[in-house]
Structures are given as structure tokens and as C-alpha cells.
Amino acid sequence: CPCGEHIQTREHILTSCPAYEPNRDSLRSVSEDLVITDILGTEKGIEALIDFLKETDAFKK
């Protein structure tokens, strides 16, 4: 992970990695507390996730 965390989990990147904090506005518009089920379980959440991924290139290797 860009922050130095040894294991990159979905939850770490979407909710707590400091490297991606500036890019979480789209995710917070769907779930202020960044609840994974709210993000991944709704159409608006998926759209916000796509925006987040486009902004960050997270999960690309």
C-alpha cells in the first residue's frame, strides 16, 4: 500500500488508508461513515466507488 501498510485490503483502501483520504468525498456522499455494505450494496455506492477508483487508480498493480 502507498501508506506502508503491508496488507492492502478492500476495507483499508476504502476507509482508512491515509494516502486516499483526500479522494473519499464521493464515497462519503453515499456513506458518511464509509460503511462498506452501503458503498458496495447500492447503485449510488457503486457509482461513487467508480469515481473513487478513477480518481485514485486504487487496486491497480
PDB file of N, CA and C in Angstrom:
ATOM      1  N   CYS A   1       0.841  -1.181   0.000  1.00  0.00           N
ATOM      2  CA  CYS A   1       0.000   0.000   0.000  1.00  0.00           C
ATOM      3  C   CYS A   1       0.890   1.250   0.000  1.00  0.00           C
ATOM      4  N   PRO A   2       0.454   2.308  -0.653  1.00  0.00           N
ATOM      5  CA  PRO A   2       1.261   3.528  -0.674  1.00  0.00           C
ATOM      6  C   PRO A   2       1.569   4.097   0.715  1.00  0.00           C
ATOM      7  N   CYS A   3       0.741   3.760   1.701  1.00  0.00           N
ATOM      8  CA  CYS A   3       0.960   4.302   3.045  1.00  0.00           C
ATOM      9  C   CYS A   3       1.965   3.477   3.849  1.00  0.00           C
ATOM     10  N   GLY A   4       2.351   2.318   3.326  1.00  0.00           N
ATOM     11  CA  GLY A   4       3.293   1.467   4.031  1.00  0.00           C
ATOM     12  C   GLY A   4       2.662   0.267   4.711  1.00  0.00           C
ATOM     13  N   GLU A   5       1.341   0.198   4.720  1.00  0.00           N
ATOM     14  CA  GLU A   5       0.646  -0.960   5.286  1.00  0.00           C
ATOM     15  C   GLU A   5       1.022  -2.184   4.467  1.00  0.00           C
ATOM     16  N   HIS A   6       1.348  -3.277   5.138  1.00  0.00           N
ATOM     17  CA  HIS A   6       1.819  -4.466   4.434  1.00  0.00           C
ATOM     18  C   HIS A   6       0.727  -5.176   3.651  1.00  0.00           C
ATOM     19  N   ILE A   7      -0.478  -5.195   4.189  1.00  0.00           N
ATOM     20  CA  ILE A   7      -1.571  -5.890   3.524  1.00  0.00           C
ATOM     21  C   ILE A   7      -2.598  -4.860   3.064  1.00  0.00           C
ATOM     22  N   GLN A   8      -2.859  -4.854   1.761  1.00  0.00           N
ATOM     23  CA  GLN A   8      -3.864  -3.965   1.186  1.00  0.00           C
ATOM     24  C   GLN A   8      -5.190  -4.700   1.146  1.00  0.00           C
ATOM     25  N   THR A   9      -6.105  -4.321   1.999  1.00  0.00           N
ATOM     26  CA  THR A   9      -7.437  -4.910   1.950  1.00  0.00           C
ATOM     27  C   THR A   9      -8.400  -3.908   1.341  1.00  0.00           C
ATOM     28  N   ARG A  10      -9.509  -4.397   0.880  1.00  0.00           N
ATOM     29  CA  ARG A  10     -10.551  -3.530   0.331  1.00  0.00           C
ATOM     30  C   ARG A  10     -10.965  -2.496   1.372  1.00  0.00           C
ATOM     31  N   GLU A  11     -11.175  -2.962   2.601  1.00  0.00           N
ATOM     32  CA  GLU A  11     -11.610  -2.056   3.662  1.00  0.00           C
ATOM     33  C   GLU A  11     -10.548  -1.002   3.974  1.00  0.00           C
ATOM     34  N   HIS A  12      -9.290  -1.393   4.019  1.00  0.00           N
ATOM     35  CA  HIS A  12      -8.212  -0.442   4.307  1.00  0.00           C
ATOM     36  C   HIS A  12      -8.186   0.673   3.269  1.00  0.00           C
ATOM     37  N   ILE A  13      -8.233   0.314   2.002  1.00  0.00           N
ATOM     38  CA  ILE A  13      -8.159   1.320   0.940  1.00  0.00           C
ATOM     39  C   ILE A  13      -9.381   2.223   0.938  1.00  0.00           C
ATOM     40  N   LEU A  14     -10.548   1.647   1.092  1.00  0.00           N
ATOM     41  CA  LEU A  14     -11.767   2.446   1.004  1.00  0.00           C
ATOM     42  C   LEU A  14     -12.055   3.271   2.256  1.00  0.00           C
ATOM     43  N   THR A  15     -11.575   2.823   3.419  1.00  0.00           N
ATOM     44  CA  THR A  15     -11.992   3.502   4.648  1.00  0.00           C
ATOM     45  C   THR A  15     -10.890   4.127   5.486  1.00  0.00           C
ATOM     46  N   SER A  16      -9.669   3.622   5.424  1.00  0.00           N
ATOM     47  CA  SER A  16      -8.700   4.119   6.397  1.00  0.00           C
ATOM     48  C   SER A  16      -7.316   4.475   5.878  1.00  0.00           C
ATOM     49  N   CYS A  17      -6.970   4.129   4.670  1.00  0.00           N
ATOM     50  CA  CYS A  17      -5.633   4.435   4.166  1.00  0.00           C
ATOM     51  C   CYS A  17      -5.457   5.952   4.051  1.00  0.00           C
ATOM     52  N   PRO A  18      -4.468   6.514   4.730  1.00  0.00           N
ATOM     53  CA  PRO A  18      -4.272   7.965   4.662  1.00  0.00           C
ATOM     54  C   PRO A  18      -3.907   8.463   3.262  1.00  0.00           C
ATOM     55  N   ALA A  19      -3.347   7.618   2.440  1.00  0.00           N
ATOM     56  CA  ALA A  19      -2.974   8.027   1.082  1.00  0.00           C
ATOM     57  C   ALA A  19      -4.195   8.381   0.233  1.00  0.00           C
ATOM     58  N   TYR A  20      -5.341   7.794   0.550  1.00  0.00           N
ATOM     59  CA  TYR A  20      -6.552   8.021  -0.239  1.00  0.00           C
ATOM     60  C   TYR A  20      -7.570   8.921   0.452  1.00  0.00           C
ATOM     61  N   GLU A  21      -7.243   9.434   1.616  1.00  0.00           N
ATOM     62  CA  GLU A  21      -8.177  10.283   2.360  1.00  0.00           C
ATOM     63  C   GLU A  21      -8.703  11.457   1.525  1.00  0.00           C
ATOM     64  N   PRO A  22      -7.849  12.167   0.786  1.00  0.00           N
ATOM     65  CA  PRO A  22      -8.353  13.318   0.020  1.00  0.00           C
ATOM     66  C   PRO A  22      -9.354  12.939  -1.079  1.00  0.00           C
ATOM     67  N   ASN A  23      -9.447  11.665  -1.414  1.00  0.00           N
ATOM     68  CA  ASN A  23     -10.294  11.223  -2.523  1.00  0.00           C
ATOM     69  C   ASN A  23     -11.590  10.560  -2.075  1.00  0.00           C
ATOM     70  N   ARG A  24     -11.897  10.593  -0.808  1.00  0.00           N
ATOM     71  CA  ARG A  24     -13.064   9.853  -0.303  1.00  0.00           C
ATOM     72  C   ARG A  24     -14.370  10.649  -0.318  1.00  0.00           C
ATOM     73  N   ASP A  25     -14.372  11.853  -0.845  1.00  0.00           N
ATOM     74  CA  ASP A  25     -15.601  12.649  -0.852  1.00  0.00           C
ATOM     75  C   ASP A  25     -16.739  11.943  -1.576  1.00  0.00           C
ATOM     76  N   SER A  26     -16.453  11.336  -2.708  1.00  0.00           N
ATOM     77  CA  SER A  26     -17.516  10.641  -3.456  1.00  0.00           C
ATOM     78  C   SER A  26     -18.082   9.481  -2.641  1.00  0.00           C
ATOM     79  N   LEU A  27     -17.220   8.774  -1.915  1.00  0.00           N
ATOM     80  CA  LEU A  27     -17.692   7.663  -1.078  1.00  0.00           C
ATOM     81  C   LEU A  27     -18.497   8.174   0.113  1.00  0.00           C
ATOM     82  N   ARG A  28     -18.042   9.279   0.707  1.00  0.00           N
ATOM     83  CA  ARG A  28     -18.753   9.847   1.854  1.00  0.00           C
ATOM     84  C   ARG A  28     -20.115  10.435   1.462  1.00  0.00           C
ATOM     85  N   SER A  29     -20.278  10.782   0.206  1.00  0.00           N
ATOM     86  CA  SER A  29     -21.585  11.282  -0.225  1.00  0.00           C
ATOM     87  C   SER A  29     -22.646  10.183  -0.160  1.00  0.00           C
ATOM     88  N   VAL A  30     -22.194   8.940  -0.187  1.00  0.00           N
ATOM     89  CA  VAL A  30     -23.094   7.787  -0.099  1.00  0.00           C
ATOM     90  C   VAL A  30     -23.167   7.262   1.329  1.00  0.00           C
ATOM     91  N   SER A  31     -22.043   7.246   2.011  1.00  0.00           N
ATOM     92  CA  SER A  31     -21.964   6.713   3.364  1.00  0.00           C
ATOM     93  C   SER A  31     -20.973   7.542   4.167  1.00  0.00           C
ATOM     94  N   GLU A  32     -21.494   8.454   4.963  1.00  0.00           N
ATOM     95  CA  GLU A  32     -20.636   9.369   5.721  1.00  0.00           C
ATOM     96  C   GLU A  32     -19.604   8.633   6.570  1.00  0.00           C
ATOM     97  N   ASP A  33     -20.010   7.478   7.117  1.00  0.00           N
ATOM     98  CA  ASP A  33     -19.109   6.686   7.961  1.00  0.00           C
ATOM     99  C   ASP A  33     -18.340   5.631   7.175  1.00  0.00           C
ATOM    100  N   LEU A  34     -18.444   5.667   5.851  1.00  0.00           N
ATOM    101  CA  LEU A  34     -17.734   4.741   4.958  1.00  0.00           C
ATOM    102  C   LEU A  34     -18.037   3.280   5.283  1.00  0.00           C
ATOM    103  N   VAL A  35     -19.327   2.976   5.379  1.00  0.00           N
ATOM    104  CA  VAL A  35     -19.774   1.605   5.632  1.00  0.00           C
ATOM    105  C   VAL A  35     -19.709   0.837   4.307  1.00  0.00           C
ATOM    106  N   ILE A  36     -18.932  -0.217   4.294  1.00  0.00           N
ATOM    107  CA  ILE A  36     -18.684  -0.975   3.068  1.00  0.00           C
ATOM    108  C   ILE A  36     -19.980  -1.481   2.434  1.00  0.00           C
ATOM    109  N   THR A  37     -20.905  -1.982   3.231  1.00  0.00           N
ATOM    110  CA  THR A  37     -22.147  -2.509   2.657  1.00  0.00           C
ATOM    111  C   THR A  37     -22.977  -1.396   2.010  1.00  0.00           C
ATOM    112  N   ASP A  38     -22.907  -0.186   2.532  1.00  0.00           N
ATOM    113  CA  ASP A  38     -23.612   0.941   1.899  1.00  0.00           C
ATOM    114  C   ASP A  38     -22.970   1.289   0.560  1.00  0.00           C
ATOM    115  N   ILE A  39     -21.656   1.203   0.505  1.00  0.00           N
ATOM    116  CA  ILE A  39     -20.930   1.559  -0.722  1.00  0.00           C
ATOM    117  C   ILE A  39     -21.101   0.476  -1.785  1.00  0.00           C
ATOM    118  N   LEU A  40     -20.915  -0.764  -1.404  1.00  0.00           N
ATOM    119  CA  LEU A  40     -20.952  -1.855  -2.373  1.00  0.00           C
ATOM    120  C   LEU A  40     -22.352  -2.402  -2.627  1.00  0.00           C
ATOM    121  N   GLY A  41     -23.298  -2.043  -1.784  1.00  0.00           N
ATOM    122  CA  GLY A  41     -24.624  -2.635  -1.876  1.00  0.00           C
ATOM    123  C   GLY A  41     -25.697  -1.747  -2.476  1.00  0.00           C
ATOM    124  N   THR A  42     -25.310  -0.583  -2.998  1.00  0.00           N
ATOM    125  CA  THR A  42     -26.297   0.305  -3.594  1.00  0.00           C
ATOM    126  C   THR A  42     -25.786   0.821  -4.935  1.00  0.00           C
ATOM    127  N   GLU A  43     -26.719   1.201  -5.791  1.00  0.00           N
ATOM    128  CA  GLU A  43     -26.329   1.733  -7.095  1.00  0.00           C
ATOM    129  C   GLU A  43     -25.521   3.029  -6.935  1.00  0.00           C
ATOM    130  N   LYS A  44     -25.976   3.907  -6.045  1.00  0.00           N
ATOM    131  CA  LYS A  44     -25.235   5.154  -5.806  1.00  0.00           C
ATOM    132  C   LYS A  44     -23.850   4.868  -5.242  1.00  0.00           C
ATOM    133  N   GLY A  45     -23.769   3.843  -4.398  1.00  0.00           N
ATOM    134  CA  GLY A  45     -22.489   3.458  -3.833  1.00  0.00           C
ATOM    135  C   GLY A  45     -21.526   2.964  -4.895  1.00  0.00           C
ATOM    136  N   ILE A  46     -22.020   2.162  -5.809  1.00  0.00           N
ATOM    137  CA  ILE A  46     -21.178   1.645  -6.903  1.00  0.00           C
ATOM    138  C   ILE A  46     -20.709   2.793  -7.785  1.00  0.00           C
ATOM    139  N   GLU A  47     -21.589   3.737  -8.072  1.00  0.00           N
ATOM    140  CA  GLU A  47     -21.198   4.902  -8.869  1.00  0.00           C
ATOM    141  C   GLU A  47     -20.111   5.705  -8.165  1.00  0.00           C
ATOM    142  N   ALA A  48     -20.263   5.881  -6.850  1.00  0.00           N
ATOM    143  CA  ALA A  48     -19.258   6.600  -6.070  1.00  0.00           C
ATOM    144  C   ALA A  48     -17.935   5.830  -6.054  1.00  0.00           C
ATOM    145  N   LEU A  49     -18.019   4.516  -5.958  1.00  0.00           N
ATOM    146  CA  LEU A  49     -16.820   3.687  -5.985  1.00  0.00           C
ATOM    147  C   LEU A  49     -16.089   3.825  -7.319  1.00  0.00           C
ATOM    148  N   ILE A  50     -16.835   3.833  -8.402  1.00  0.00           N
ATOM    149  CA  ILE A  50     -16.222   4.014  -9.728  1.00  0.00           C
ATOM    150  C   ILE A  50     -15.504   5.357  -9.802  1.00  0.00           C
ATOM    151  N   ASP A  51     -16.133   6.408  -9.285  1.00  0.00           N
ATOM    152  CA  ASP A  51     -15.487   7.731  -9.261  1.00  0.00           C
ATOM    153  C   ASP A  51     -14.199   7.690  -8.445  1.00  0.00           C
ATOM    154  N   PHE A  52     -14.262   7.051  -7.274  1.00  0.00           N
ATOM    155  CA  PHE A  52     -13.096   6.930  -6.410  1.00  0.00           C
ATOM    156  C   PHE A  52     -11.963   6.188  -7.122  1.00  0.00           C
ATOM    157  N   LEU A  53     -12.302   5.099  -7.787  1.00  0.00           N
ATOM    158  CA  LEU A  53     -11.287   4.306  -8.491  1.00  0.00           C
ATOM    159  C   LEU A  53     -10.673   5.069  -9.655  1.00  0.00           C
ATOM    160  N   LYS A  54     -11.479   5.832 -10.363  1.00  0.00           N
ATOM    161  CA  LYS A  54     -10.950   6.645 -11.460  1.00  0.00           C
ATOM    162  C   LYS A  54      -9.992   7.715 -10.945  1.00  0.00           C
ATOM    163  N   GLU A  55     -10.340   8.329  -9.808  1.00  0.00           N
ATOM    164  CA  GLU A  55      -9.509   9.383  -9.227  1.00  0.00           C
ATOM    165  C   GLU A  55      -8.189   8.850  -8.695  1.00  0.00           C
ATOM    166  N   THR A  56      -8.202   7.650  -8.146  1.00  0.00           N
ATOM    167  CA  THR A  56      -7.057   7.161  -7.387  1.00  0.00           C
ATOM    168  C   THR A  56      -6.238   6.078  -8.065  1.00  0.00           C
ATOM    169  N   ASP A  57      -6.815   5.368  -9.009  1.00  0.00           N
ATOM    170  CA  ASP A  57      -6.178   4.168  -9.566  1.00  0.00           C
ATOM    171  C   ASP A  57      -5.906   3.132  -8.480  1.00  0.00           C
ATOM    172  N   ALA A  58      -6.662   3.188  -7.413  1.00  0.00           N
ATOM    173  CA  ALA A  58      -6.518   2.204  -6.336  1.00  0.00           C
ATOM    174  C   ALA A  58      -6.797   0.809  -6.880  1.00  0.00           C
ATOM    175  N   PHE A  59      -6.155  -0.167  -6.332  1.00  0.00           N
ATOM    176  CA  PHE A  59      -6.284  -1.581  -6.680  1.00  0.00           C
ATOM    177  C   PHE A  59      -5.614  -1.934  -8.006  1.00  0.00           C
ATOM    178  N   LYS A  60      -4.919  -1.011  -8.623  1.00  0.00           N
ATOM    179  CA  LYS A  60      -4.176  -1.340  -9.847  1.00  0.00           C
ATOM    180  C   LYS A  60      -2.750  -1.696  -9.468  1.00  0.00           C
ATOM    181  N   LYS A  61      -2.225  -2.680 -10.146  1.00  0.00           N
ATOM    182  CA  LYS A  61      -0.830  -3.057  -9.908  1.00  0.00           C
ATOM    183  C   LYS A  61      -0.101  -3.095 -11.211  1.00  0.00           C
TER     184      LYS A  61
END
